[in-house]
Amino acid sequence: MEKVTVEVTTLRPKAERAGTLGRWTLTAGGSVFCGASGLGLLYTRMTGSPPP
């Protein structure tokens, strides 16, 4: 988990330096991650077991 956190904190400044495209890419990636997490939570709530 720590490795992922370190990578995210280093990628954010790089994306911000990339300009508008970098910010849009970072936002899109975060949205995809949140959406996948939400679907996993929904699946777990509906079936009572974690996703495969």
Protein backbone atom coordinates (compact mmCIF):
# COMPACT_ATOMS: atom_id res chain seq x y z
CA MET A 1 0.00 0.00 0.00
CA GLU A 2 2.85 2.37 0.83
CA LYS A 3 4.43 1.79 -2.58
CA VAL A 4 1.19 2.83 -4.32
CA THR A 5 0.91 5.94 -2.14
CA VAL A 6 4.48 6.96 -2.98
CA GLU A 7 3.83 6.46 -6.69
CA VAL A 8 0.66 8.54 -6.58
CA THR A 9 2.39 11.39 -4.75
CA THR A 10 5.18 11.41 -7.34
CA LEU A 11 2.83 11.14 -10.34
CA ARG A 12 0.61 14.05 -9.28
CA PRO A 13 3.31 16.76 -9.62
CA LYS A 14 4.45 15.23 -12.92
CA ALA A 15 0.90 15.34 -14.26
CA GLU A 16 0.44 18.91 -13.07
CA ARG A 17 3.60 19.95 -14.92
CA ALA A 18 2.22 18.32 -18.05
CA GLY A 19 -0.47 20.99 -18.18
CA THR A 20 -4.14 20.63 -18.91
CA LEU A 21 -3.81 17.22 -20.55
CA GLY A 22 -1.97 15.90 -17.50
CA ARG A 23 -4.65 17.17 -15.15
CA TRP A 24 -7.41 15.65 -17.29
CA THR A 25 -5.56 12.34 -17.38
CA LEU A 26 -5.12 12.33 -13.62
CA THR A 27 -8.80 13.17 -13.13
CA ALA A 28 -9.92 10.45 -15.54
CA GLY A 29 -7.71 7.88 -13.82
CA GLY A 30 -9.10 8.81 -10.43
CA SER A 31 -12.64 8.55 -11.76
CA VAL A 32 -12.00 5.09 -13.18
CA PHE A 33 -10.49 3.95 -9.88
CA CYS A 34 -13.42 5.32 -7.87
CA GLY A 35 -15.91 3.74 -10.25
CA ALA A 36 -14.25 0.34 -9.99
CA SER A 37 -14.18 0.61 -6.20
CA GLY A 38 -17.86 1.52 -6.16
CA LEU A 39 -18.77 -1.44 -8.36
CA GLY A 40 -16.79 -3.75 -6.09
CA LEU A 41 -18.60 -2.39 -3.05
CA LEU A 42 -21.98 -2.73 -4.77
CA TYR A 43 -21.22 -6.33 -5.73
CA THR A 44 -20.16 -7.14 -2.18
CA ARG A 45 -23.31 -5.57 -0.71
CA MET A 46 -25.60 -7.38 -3.12
CA THR A 47 -24.05 -10.85 -2.95
CA GLY A 48 -22.50 -10.87 0.52
CA SER A 49 -19.16 -12.06 -0.83
CA PRO A 50 -16.21 -10.14 -2.30
CA PRO A 51 -15.75 -9.97 -6.07
CA PRO A 52 -13.78 -12.78 -7.71
